[in-house]
Amino acid sequence: MKNILLLVGLSLLLILPLQGCFGGVVDVDITASGGASAAQDLSAETIADLIYSNIPFDDMMTKVPPASIKNSYGLPSCYKSGCAIYVSTGATPEELAVFEIDDVCTEDAIIEAANNRIEKQVKSYSSYAPKEVPKLESAVIYSGSGFVVVCVSADNSLAKDFIKDYILA
């Protein structure tokens, strides 16, 4: 636990000087009990950047435009809120997506779209990279504080704990 707090603290020291790149001040209050007390003030892009900076990925990840998210996830047409995504080169199924929840489109619809995306990826990777399938089978789909986060990483257990305890607590 101390290592995670140290990692988060060091990451914030590296990220916060670049806050102008994120479009504004990032107010993240990581307390001893865990949790981002100002998660409601964070954007999907900022949350994605925080997770990406603190979770290991085996593959090179690239941030892609929000329109790509809506297409690859097959989101309902009612979805108009902010989102952010990092994708791998395709050699691995690693991916990180953060969706803001709005009043029109329900959280359940976004979670369903995420589950469908993971299922399609399992079928795809089963045939040409079966060693990558366990990453998909343990994928993190977590919702809280007005966001849904989907994460397929080198360490999904760490990703789940980090998202649950420090980002969307």
N, C-alpha and C. Protein backbone atom coordinates (compact mmCIF):
# COMPACT_ATOMS: atom_id res chain seq x y z
N MET A 1 0.83 -1.19 0.00
CA MET A 1 0.00 0.00 0.00
C MET A 1 0.87 1.25 0.00
N LYS A 2 1.95 1.21 0.79
CA LYS A 2 2.85 2.37 0.83
C LYS A 2 3.50 2.59 -0.53
N ASN A 3 3.82 1.48 -1.21
CA ASN A 3 4.43 1.60 -2.54
C ASN A 3 3.47 2.26 -3.52
N ILE A 4 2.20 1.91 -3.43
CA ILE A 4 1.21 2.51 -4.33
C ILE A 4 1.07 3.99 -4.04
N LEU A 5 0.99 4.35 -2.76
CA LEU A 5 0.88 5.77 -2.41
C LEU A 5 2.11 6.54 -2.87
N LEU A 6 3.28 5.93 -2.72
CA LEU A 6 4.51 6.56 -3.17
C LEU A 6 4.49 6.73 -4.69
N LEU A 7 4.06 5.69 -5.39
CA LEU A 7 3.97 5.74 -6.85
C LEU A 7 3.00 6.83 -7.30
N VAL A 8 1.86 6.91 -6.65
CA VAL A 8 0.87 7.94 -6.98
C VAL A 8 1.44 9.32 -6.72
N GLY A 9 2.07 9.49 -5.58
CA GLY A 9 2.65 10.79 -5.24
C GLY A 9 3.71 11.22 -6.23
N LEU A 10 4.60 10.31 -6.56
CA LEU A 10 5.65 10.64 -7.53
C LEU A 10 5.07 10.93 -8.90
N SER A 11 4.05 10.18 -9.29
CA SER A 11 3.42 10.41 -10.59
C SER A 11 2.77 11.78 -10.63
N LEU A 12 2.12 12.15 -9.54
CA LEU A 12 1.49 13.47 -9.50
C LEU A 12 2.53 14.57 -9.57
N LEU A 13 3.68 14.36 -8.94
CA LEU A 13 4.76 15.35 -9.02
C LEU A 13 5.23 15.53 -10.46
N LEU A 14 5.19 14.46 -11.23
CA LEU A 14 5.60 14.54 -12.63
C LEU A 14 4.49 15.11 -13.52
N ILE A 15 3.25 14.81 -13.18
CA ILE A 15 2.12 15.20 -14.02
C ILE A 15 1.68 16.64 -13.77
N LEU A 16 1.61 17.05 -12.52
CA LEU A 16 1.05 18.35 -12.20
C LEU A 16 1.77 19.53 -12.84
N PRO A 17 3.09 19.50 -13.00
CA PRO A 17 3.72 20.62 -13.72
C PRO A 17 3.25 20.74 -15.17
N LEU A 18 2.71 19.66 -15.71
CA LEU A 18 2.22 19.67 -17.09
C LEU A 18 0.73 19.93 -17.17
N GLN A 19 0.13 20.41 -16.08
CA GLN A 19 -1.32 20.54 -16.05
C GLN A 19 -1.87 21.43 -17.14
N GLY A 20 -1.10 22.36 -17.65
CA GLY A 20 -1.55 23.19 -18.75
C GLY A 20 -1.86 22.36 -19.99
N CYS A 21 -1.19 21.24 -20.14
CA CYS A 21 -1.44 20.36 -21.27
C CYS A 21 -2.79 19.69 -21.17
N PHE A 22 -3.35 19.61 -19.98
CA PHE A 22 -4.63 18.95 -19.77
C PHE A 22 -5.79 19.92 -19.85
N GLY A 23 -5.53 21.19 -20.10
CA GLY A 23 -6.60 22.14 -20.26
C GLY A 23 -7.04 22.79 -18.97
N GLY A 24 -6.28 22.75 -17.93
CA GLY A 24 -6.68 23.41 -16.70
C GLY A 24 -6.04 22.78 -15.49
N VAL A 25 -6.41 23.30 -14.34
CA VAL A 25 -5.86 22.81 -13.09
C VAL A 25 -6.51 21.48 -12.75
N VAL A 26 -5.69 20.53 -12.38
CA VAL A 26 -6.18 19.22 -11.95
C VAL A 26 -6.15 19.20 -10.44
N ASP A 27 -7.32 19.12 -9.83
CA ASP A 27 -7.41 19.11 -8.38
C ASP A 27 -7.63 17.69 -7.90
N VAL A 28 -6.55 16.98 -7.62
CA VAL A 28 -6.64 15.61 -7.14
C VAL A 28 -6.13 15.58 -5.72
N ASP A 29 -6.97 15.14 -4.80
CA ASP A 29 -6.60 15.07 -3.39
C ASP A 29 -6.53 13.61 -2.99
N ILE A 30 -5.36 13.02 -3.07
CA ILE A 30 -5.18 11.63 -2.66
C ILE A 30 -4.93 11.65 -1.16
N THR A 31 -5.84 11.07 -0.40
CA THR A 31 -5.73 11.08 1.05
C THR A 31 -5.19 9.74 1.53
N ALA A 32 -4.87 9.68 2.79
CA ALA A 32 -4.34 8.44 3.35
C ALA A 32 -5.34 7.30 3.22
N SER A 33 -6.63 7.62 3.24
CA SER A 33 -7.63 6.57 3.11
C SER A 33 -7.89 6.24 1.65
N GLY A 34 -7.24 6.95 0.74
CA GLY A 34 -7.42 6.67 -0.68
C GLY A 34 -8.56 7.47 -1.24
N GLY A 35 -8.55 7.61 -2.55
CA GLY A 35 -9.66 8.24 -3.23
C GLY A 35 -9.35 9.61 -3.75
N ALA A 36 -9.88 9.90 -4.91
CA ALA A 36 -9.77 11.24 -5.48
C ALA A 36 -11.02 11.99 -5.04
N SER A 37 -10.87 12.88 -4.06
CA SER A 37 -12.03 13.54 -3.50
C SER A 37 -12.68 14.48 -4.48
N ALA A 38 -11.98 14.86 -5.54
CA ALA A 38 -12.54 15.79 -6.51
C ALA A 38 -12.76 15.11 -7.85
N ALA A 39 -13.09 13.82 -7.85
CA ALA A 39 -13.26 13.09 -9.10
C ALA A 39 -14.31 13.74 -9.99
N GLN A 40 -15.32 14.35 -9.36
CA GLN A 40 -16.37 14.98 -10.15
C GLN A 40 -15.82 16.15 -10.95
N ASP A 41 -14.73 16.76 -10.52
CA ASP A 41 -14.14 17.90 -11.21
C ASP A 41 -13.16 17.48 -12.29
N LEU A 42 -12.84 16.20 -12.38
CA LEU A 42 -11.89 15.72 -13.37
C LEU A 42 -12.60 15.40 -14.67
N SER A 43 -11.88 15.51 -15.77
CA SER A 43 -12.42 15.14 -17.07
C SER A 43 -12.03 13.70 -17.38
N ALA A 44 -12.69 13.12 -18.37
CA ALA A 44 -12.34 11.77 -18.81
C ALA A 44 -10.89 11.72 -19.25
N GLU A 45 -10.44 12.76 -19.93
CA GLU A 45 -9.06 12.81 -20.42
C GLU A 45 -8.06 12.83 -19.26
N THR A 46 -8.33 13.62 -18.24
CA THR A 46 -7.44 13.71 -17.10
C THR A 46 -7.38 12.38 -16.35
N ILE A 47 -8.53 11.75 -16.16
CA ILE A 47 -8.56 10.45 -15.48
C ILE A 47 -7.78 9.42 -16.29
N ALA A 48 -7.98 9.39 -17.61
CA ALA A 48 -7.25 8.45 -18.46
C ALA A 48 -5.75 8.69 -18.35
N ASP A 49 -5.33 9.94 -18.35
CA ASP A 49 -3.91 10.26 -18.24
C ASP A 49 -3.33 9.82 -16.89
N LEU A 50 -4.09 10.00 -15.81
CA LEU A 50 -3.63 9.57 -14.48
C LEU A 50 -3.48 8.06 -14.41
N ILE A 51 -4.46 7.34 -14.95
CA ILE A 51 -4.38 5.88 -14.93
C ILE A 51 -3.22 5.41 -15.80
N TYR A 52 -3.11 5.97 -17.00
CA TYR A 52 -2.04 5.57 -17.92
C TYR A 52 -0.66 5.79 -17.31
N SER A 53 -0.52 6.84 -16.54
CA SER A 53 0.77 7.16 -15.93
C SER A 53 1.12 6.26 -14.75
N ASN A 54 0.14 5.54 -14.22
CA ASN A 54 0.37 4.75 -13.01
C ASN A 54 0.18 3.25 -13.17
N ILE A 55 -0.26 2.80 -14.32
CA ILE A 55 -0.53 1.38 -14.54
C ILE A 55 0.40 0.86 -15.63
N PRO A 56 1.00 -0.33 -15.45
CA PRO A 56 1.91 -0.86 -16.47
C PRO A 56 1.17 -1.41 -17.69
N PHE A 57 1.71 -1.11 -18.86
CA PHE A 57 1.22 -1.66 -20.12
C PHE A 57 2.43 -2.27 -20.83
N ASP A 58 2.25 -3.47 -21.42
CA ASP A 58 3.34 -4.14 -22.13
C ASP A 58 3.60 -3.52 -23.50
N ASP A 59 2.56 -2.99 -24.10
CA ASP A 59 2.63 -2.47 -25.47
C ASP A 59 2.72 -0.95 -25.46
N MET A 60 3.16 -0.38 -26.57
CA MET A 60 3.16 1.07 -26.72
C MET A 60 1.71 1.52 -26.89
N MET A 61 1.32 2.51 -26.12
CA MET A 61 -0.07 2.99 -26.15
C MET A 61 -0.12 4.36 -26.81
N THR A 62 -1.22 4.60 -27.54
CA THR A 62 -1.42 5.86 -28.23
C THR A 62 -2.80 6.39 -27.90
N LYS A 63 -2.87 7.68 -27.60
CA LYS A 63 -4.17 8.31 -27.36
C LYS A 63 -4.81 8.58 -28.72
N VAL A 64 -6.09 8.22 -28.85
CA VAL A 64 -6.80 8.42 -30.11
C VAL A 64 -7.98 9.36 -29.91
N PRO A 65 -8.48 9.95 -30.99
CA PRO A 65 -9.59 10.91 -30.88
C PRO A 65 -10.87 10.27 -30.33
N PRO A 66 -11.68 11.06 -29.63
CA PRO A 66 -12.93 10.54 -29.06
C PRO A 66 -13.85 9.87 -30.08
N ALA A 67 -13.87 10.33 -31.32
CA ALA A 67 -14.74 9.71 -32.32
C ALA A 67 -14.39 8.23 -32.51
N SER A 68 -13.13 7.89 -32.35
CA SER A 68 -12.71 6.49 -32.48
C SER A 68 -13.30 5.63 -31.38
N ILE A 69 -13.46 6.20 -30.22
CA ILE A 69 -14.03 5.46 -29.09
C ILE A 69 -15.46 5.09 -29.40
N LYS A 70 -16.21 6.06 -29.84
CA LYS A 70 -17.63 5.83 -30.09
C LYS A 70 -17.83 4.75 -31.13
N ASN A 71 -16.97 4.72 -32.15
CA ASN A 71 -17.09 3.70 -33.19
C ASN A 71 -16.64 2.34 -32.69
N SER A 72 -15.48 2.26 -32.06
CA SER A 72 -14.94 0.97 -31.65
C SER A 72 -15.75 0.33 -30.52
N TYR A 73 -16.40 1.13 -29.72
CA TYR A 73 -17.20 0.60 -28.62
C TYR A 73 -18.67 0.43 -29.00
N GLY A 74 -19.07 0.96 -30.14
CA GLY A 74 -20.47 0.85 -30.54
C GLY A 74 -21.39 1.49 -29.52
N LEU A 75 -21.00 2.68 -29.06
CA LEU A 75 -21.81 3.36 -28.05
C LEU A 75 -23.16 3.76 -28.62
N PRO A 76 -24.17 3.82 -27.78
CA PRO A 76 -25.49 4.24 -28.24
C PRO A 76 -25.43 5.66 -28.80
N SER A 77 -26.28 5.95 -29.76
CA SER A 77 -26.27 7.26 -30.40
C SER A 77 -26.57 8.39 -29.42
N CYS A 78 -27.17 8.07 -28.29
CA CYS A 78 -27.50 9.10 -27.30
C CYS A 78 -26.26 9.60 -26.56
N TYR A 79 -25.13 8.89 -26.68
CA TYR A 79 -23.94 9.25 -25.90
C TYR A 79 -23.28 10.49 -26.48
N LYS A 80 -23.24 11.55 -25.70
CA LYS A 80 -22.68 12.83 -26.16
C LYS A 80 -21.61 13.36 -25.21
N SER A 81 -21.33 12.68 -24.13
CA SER A 81 -20.40 13.18 -23.11
C SER A 81 -18.95 12.96 -23.51
N GLY A 82 -18.05 13.45 -22.67
CA GLY A 82 -16.62 13.33 -22.92
C GLY A 82 -16.11 11.92 -22.72
N CYS A 83 -15.04 11.61 -23.43
CA CYS A 83 -14.41 10.31 -23.31
C CYS A 83 -12.96 10.42 -23.75
N ALA A 84 -12.17 9.45 -23.34
CA ALA A 84 -10.75 9.41 -23.70
C ALA A 84 -10.33 7.96 -23.84
N ILE A 85 -9.41 7.70 -24.76
CA ILE A 85 -8.96 6.32 -24.97
C ILE A 85 -7.49 6.26 -25.35
N TYR A 86 -6.82 5.25 -24.80
CA TYR A 86 -5.48 4.86 -25.22
C TYR A 86 -5.61 3.45 -25.80
N VAL A 87 -4.99 3.20 -26.94
CA VAL A 87 -5.01 1.87 -27.54
C VAL A 87 -3.59 1.40 -27.80
N SER A 88 -3.43 0.09 -27.89
CA SER A 88 -2.12 -0.50 -28.16
C SER A 88 -1.88 -0.58 -29.67
N THR A 89 -0.75 -1.13 -30.03
CA THR A 89 -0.41 -1.28 -31.44
C THR A 89 -1.23 -2.37 -32.12
N GLY A 90 -1.88 -3.20 -31.34
CA GLY A 90 -2.63 -4.33 -31.87
C GLY A 90 -1.94 -5.64 -31.56
N ALA A 91 -0.67 -5.58 -31.18
CA ALA A 91 0.05 -6.79 -30.79
C ALA A 91 -0.52 -7.35 -29.49
N THR A 92 -1.06 -6.47 -28.67
CA THR A 92 -1.73 -6.87 -27.43
C THR A 92 -3.12 -6.24 -27.42
N PRO A 93 -4.02 -6.75 -26.60
CA PRO A 93 -5.35 -6.15 -26.51
C PRO A 93 -5.43 -5.00 -25.52
N GLU A 94 -4.28 -4.54 -25.06
CA GLU A 94 -4.28 -3.51 -24.02
C GLU A 94 -4.99 -2.25 -24.50
N GLU A 95 -5.75 -1.68 -23.58
CA GLU A 95 -6.58 -0.53 -23.91
C GLU A 95 -7.02 0.14 -22.63
N LEU A 96 -7.22 1.43 -22.70
CA LEU A 96 -7.73 2.20 -21.57
C LEU A 96 -8.75 3.18 -22.11
N ALA A 97 -9.97 3.11 -21.62
CA ALA A 97 -11.02 4.02 -22.06
C ALA A 97 -11.75 4.56 -20.83
N VAL A 98 -12.04 5.85 -20.86
CA VAL A 98 -12.78 6.50 -19.78
C VAL A 98 -13.96 7.25 -20.40
N PHE A 99 -15.15 6.99 -19.88
CA PHE A 99 -16.38 7.60 -20.38
C PHE A 99 -17.04 8.41 -19.27
N GLU A 100 -17.42 9.63 -19.58
CA GLU A 100 -18.22 10.42 -18.64
C GLU A 100 -19.67 9.97 -18.80
N ILE A 101 -20.37 9.88 -17.69
CA ILE A 101 -21.78 9.50 -17.70
C ILE A 101 -22.61 10.77 -17.77
N ASP A 102 -23.60 10.78 -18.67
CA ASP A 102 -24.49 11.95 -18.73
C ASP A 102 -25.91 11.53 -18.37
N ASP A 103 -26.81 12.48 -18.39
CA ASP A 103 -28.19 12.21 -17.98
C ASP A 103 -28.96 11.40 -19.02
N VAL A 104 -28.61 11.56 -20.28
CA VAL A 104 -29.38 10.93 -21.35
C VAL A 104 -29.02 9.46 -21.51
N CYS A 105 -27.76 9.20 -21.53
CA CYS A 105 -27.28 7.85 -21.79
C CYS A 105 -26.92 7.18 -20.47
N THR A 106 -27.47 6.06 -20.21
CA THR A 106 -27.27 5.45 -18.90
C THR A 106 -25.92 4.77 -18.76
N GLU A 107 -25.53 4.66 -17.53
CA GLU A 107 -24.30 3.95 -17.17
C GLU A 107 -24.36 2.50 -17.66
N ASP A 108 -25.53 1.88 -17.53
CA ASP A 108 -25.69 0.48 -17.95
C ASP A 108 -25.43 0.30 -19.44
N ALA A 109 -25.86 1.27 -20.26
CA ALA A 109 -25.64 1.17 -21.71
C ALA A 109 -24.15 1.22 -22.04
N ILE A 110 -23.41 2.04 -21.32
CA ILE A 110 -21.97 2.15 -21.57
C ILE A 110 -21.26 0.89 -21.09
N ILE A 111 -21.66 0.37 -19.94
CA ILE A 111 -21.06 -0.87 -19.44
C ILE A 111 -21.35 -2.02 -20.40
N GLU A 112 -22.56 -2.07 -20.92
CA GLU A 112 -22.91 -3.12 -21.90
C GLU A 112 -22.04 -3.00 -23.15
N ALA A 113 -21.86 -1.77 -23.64
CA ALA A 113 -21.00 -1.55 -24.82
C ALA A 113 -19.57 -2.00 -24.52
N ALA A 114 -19.08 -1.72 -23.32
CA ALA A 114 -17.72 -2.12 -22.93
C ALA A 114 -17.60 -3.64 -22.87
N ASN A 115 -18.59 -4.30 -22.29
CA ASN A 115 -18.58 -5.76 -22.22
C ASN A 115 -18.60 -6.37 -23.62
N ASN A 116 -19.41 -5.79 -24.52
CA ASN A 116 -19.46 -6.27 -25.90
C ASN A 116 -18.10 -6.11 -26.58
N ARG A 117 -17.45 -4.98 -26.34
CA ARG A 117 -16.12 -4.73 -26.91
C ARG A 117 -15.12 -5.79 -26.43
N ILE A 118 -15.13 -6.07 -25.13
CA ILE A 118 -14.22 -7.08 -24.57
C ILE A 118 -14.50 -8.45 -25.18
N GLU A 119 -15.78 -8.82 -25.31
CA GLU A 119 -16.15 -10.12 -25.90
C GLU A 119 -15.63 -10.24 -27.33
N LYS A 120 -15.78 -9.18 -28.12
CA LYS A 120 -15.27 -9.20 -29.50
C LYS A 120 -13.75 -9.34 -29.52
N GLN A 121 -13.09 -8.67 -28.60
CA GLN A 121 -11.64 -8.75 -28.52
C GLN A 121 -11.19 -10.17 -28.13
N VAL A 122 -11.92 -10.81 -27.21
CA VAL A 122 -11.58 -12.19 -26.81
C VAL A 122 -11.66 -13.10 -28.03
N LYS A 123 -12.73 -12.98 -28.81
CA LYS A 123 -12.87 -13.82 -30.01
C LYS A 123 -11.74 -13.55 -30.99
N SER A 124 -11.41 -12.31 -31.18
CA SER A 124 -10.36 -11.93 -32.12
C SER A 124 -8.99 -12.44 -31.68
N TYR A 125 -8.63 -12.20 -30.42
CA TYR A 125 -7.30 -12.58 -29.93
C TYR A 125 -7.19 -14.09 -29.69
N SER A 126 -8.30 -14.79 -29.52
CA SER A 126 -8.25 -16.24 -29.32
C SER A 126 -7.63 -16.95 -30.51
N SER A 127 -7.85 -16.41 -31.70
CA SER A 127 -7.35 -17.07 -32.90
C SER A 127 -5.90 -16.73 -33.23
N TYR A 128 -5.45 -15.52 -32.95
CA TYR A 128 -4.09 -15.19 -33.37
C TYR A 128 -3.13 -14.81 -32.25
N ALA A 129 -3.60 -14.58 -31.05
CA ALA A 129 -2.70 -14.31 -29.93
C ALA A 129 -3.34 -14.83 -28.64
N PRO A 130 -3.52 -16.14 -28.54
CA PRO A 130 -4.23 -16.71 -27.40
C PRO A 130 -3.58 -16.42 -26.04
N LYS A 131 -2.28 -16.15 -26.02
CA LYS A 131 -1.62 -15.84 -24.75
C LYS A 131 -2.09 -14.50 -24.18
N GLU A 132 -2.71 -13.68 -25.02
CA GLU A 132 -3.19 -12.37 -24.59
C GLU A 132 -4.61 -12.42 -24.02
N VAL A 133 -5.32 -13.52 -24.24
CA VAL A 133 -6.72 -13.63 -23.82
C VAL A 133 -6.91 -13.45 -22.31
N PRO A 134 -6.02 -13.97 -21.44
CA PRO A 134 -6.22 -13.75 -20.00
C PRO A 134 -6.30 -12.27 -19.61
N LYS A 135 -5.59 -11.41 -20.32
CA LYS A 135 -5.71 -9.97 -20.04
C LYS A 135 -7.14 -9.50 -20.26
N LEU A 136 -7.75 -10.01 -21.33
CA LEU A 136 -9.13 -9.62 -21.64
C LEU A 136 -10.12 -10.23 -20.65
N GLU A 137 -9.85 -11.47 -20.26
CA GLU A 137 -10.75 -12.14 -19.33
C GLU A 137 -10.73 -11.50 -17.94
N SER A 138 -9.66 -10.80 -17.62
CA SER A 138 -9.59 -10.12 -16.33
C SER A 138 -9.70 -8.60 -16.49
N ALA A 139 -10.22 -8.16 -17.63
CA ALA A 139 -10.34 -6.72 -17.90
C ALA A 139 -11.12 -6.02 -16.79
N VAL A 140 -10.75 -4.78 -16.56
CA VAL A 140 -11.40 -3.97 -15.53
C VAL A 140 -12.46 -3.10 -16.19
N ILE A 141 -13.68 -3.24 -15.72
CA ILE A 141 -14.76 -2.32 -16.10
C ILE A 141 -15.31 -1.81 -14.78
N TYR A 142 -15.06 -0.55 -14.50
CA TYR A 142 -15.39 0.01 -13.20
C TYR A 142 -16.15 1.32 -13.39
N SER A 143 -17.18 1.51 -12.59
CA SER A 143 -17.93 2.77 -12.67
C SER A 143 -18.02 3.40 -11.29
N GLY A 144 -18.02 4.72 -11.30
CA GLY A 144 -18.13 5.48 -10.07
C GLY A 144 -17.87 6.95 -10.33
N SER A 145 -18.42 7.80 -9.50
CA SER A 145 -18.20 9.25 -9.57
C SER A 145 -18.51 9.83 -10.94
N GLY A 146 -19.48 9.25 -11.64
CA GLY A 146 -19.89 9.79 -12.93
C GLY A 146 -19.04 9.34 -14.11
N PHE A 147 -18.26 8.28 -13.94
CA PHE A 147 -17.40 7.78 -15.02
C PHE A 147 -17.50 6.26 -15.11
N VAL A 148 -17.24 5.73 -16.30
CA VAL A 148 -17.01 4.30 -16.50
C VAL A 148 -15.61 4.18 -17.07
N VAL A 149 -14.79 3.32 -16.46
CA VAL A 149 -13.42 3.10 -16.91
C VAL A 149 -13.29 1.66 -17.38
N VAL A 150 -12.68 1.48 -18.55
CA VAL A 150 -12.38 0.16 -19.09
C VAL A 150 -10.86 0.09 -19.23
N CYS A 151 -10.27 -0.93 -18.62
CA CYS A 151 -8.81 -1.04 -18.67
C CYS A 151 -8.38 -2.49 -18.89
N VAL A 152 -7.60 -2.70 -19.94
CA VAL A 152 -6.95 -3.98 -20.21
C VAL A 152 -5.46 -3.66 -20.19
N SER A 153 -4.77 -4.16 -19.17
CA SER A 153 -3.36 -3.79 -18.99
C SER A 153 -2.51 -5.00 -18.66
N ALA A 154 -1.23 -4.75 -18.44
CA ALA A 154 -0.31 -5.81 -18.05
C ALA A 154 -0.60 -6.30 -16.63
N ASP A 155 -1.27 -5.48 -15.82
CA ASP A 155 -1.60 -5.84 -14.44
C ASP A 155 -3.00 -5.32 -14.12
N ASN A 156 -4.01 -6.09 -14.51
CA ASN A 156 -5.40 -5.66 -14.30
C ASN A 156 -5.78 -5.56 -12.83
N SER A 157 -5.17 -6.38 -12.00
CA SER A 157 -5.45 -6.31 -10.57
C SER A 157 -5.00 -4.97 -9.99
N LEU A 158 -3.80 -4.56 -10.35
CA LEU A 158 -3.29 -3.26 -9.91
C LEU A 158 -4.16 -2.14 -10.48
N ALA A 159 -4.55 -2.28 -11.74
CA ALA A 159 -5.39 -1.26 -12.37
C ALA A 159 -6.72 -1.12 -11.63
N LYS A 160 -7.33 -2.24 -11.29
CA LYS A 160 -8.61 -2.20 -10.58
C LYS A 160 -8.46 -1.50 -9.24
N ASP A 161 -7.44 -1.88 -8.48
CA ASP A 161 -7.22 -1.27 -7.17
C ASP A 161 -6.94 0.23 -7.29
N PHE A 162 -6.12 0.60 -8.26
CA PHE A 162 -5.78 2.02 -8.44
C PHE A 162 -7.02 2.82 -8.81
N ILE A 163 -7.80 2.32 -9.75
CA ILE A 163 -9.00 3.02 -10.19
C ILE A 163 -10.00 3.12 -9.05
N LYS A 164 -10.22 2.02 -8.37
CA LYS A 164 -11.21 1.97 -7.29
C LYS A 164 -10.80 2.82 -6.09
N ASP A 165 -9.55 2.72 -5.70
CA ASP A 165 -9.10 3.36 -4.47
C ASP A 165 -8.63 4.80 -4.63
N TYR A 166 -8.11 5.14 -5.79
CA TYR A 166 -7.48 6.45 -5.93
C TYR A 166 -8.12 7.37 -6.96
N ILE A 167 -8.89 6.84 -7.86
CA ILE A 167 -9.46 7.69 -8.90
C ILE A 167 -10.97 7.86 -8.71
N LEU A 168 -11.69 6.77 -8.65
CA LEU A 168 -13.15 6.84 -8.58
C LEU A 168 -13.70 6.36 -7.25
N ALA A 169 -13.01 6.69 -6.18
CA ALA A 169 -13.43 6.25 -4.85
C ALA A 169 -14.71 6.94 -4.43
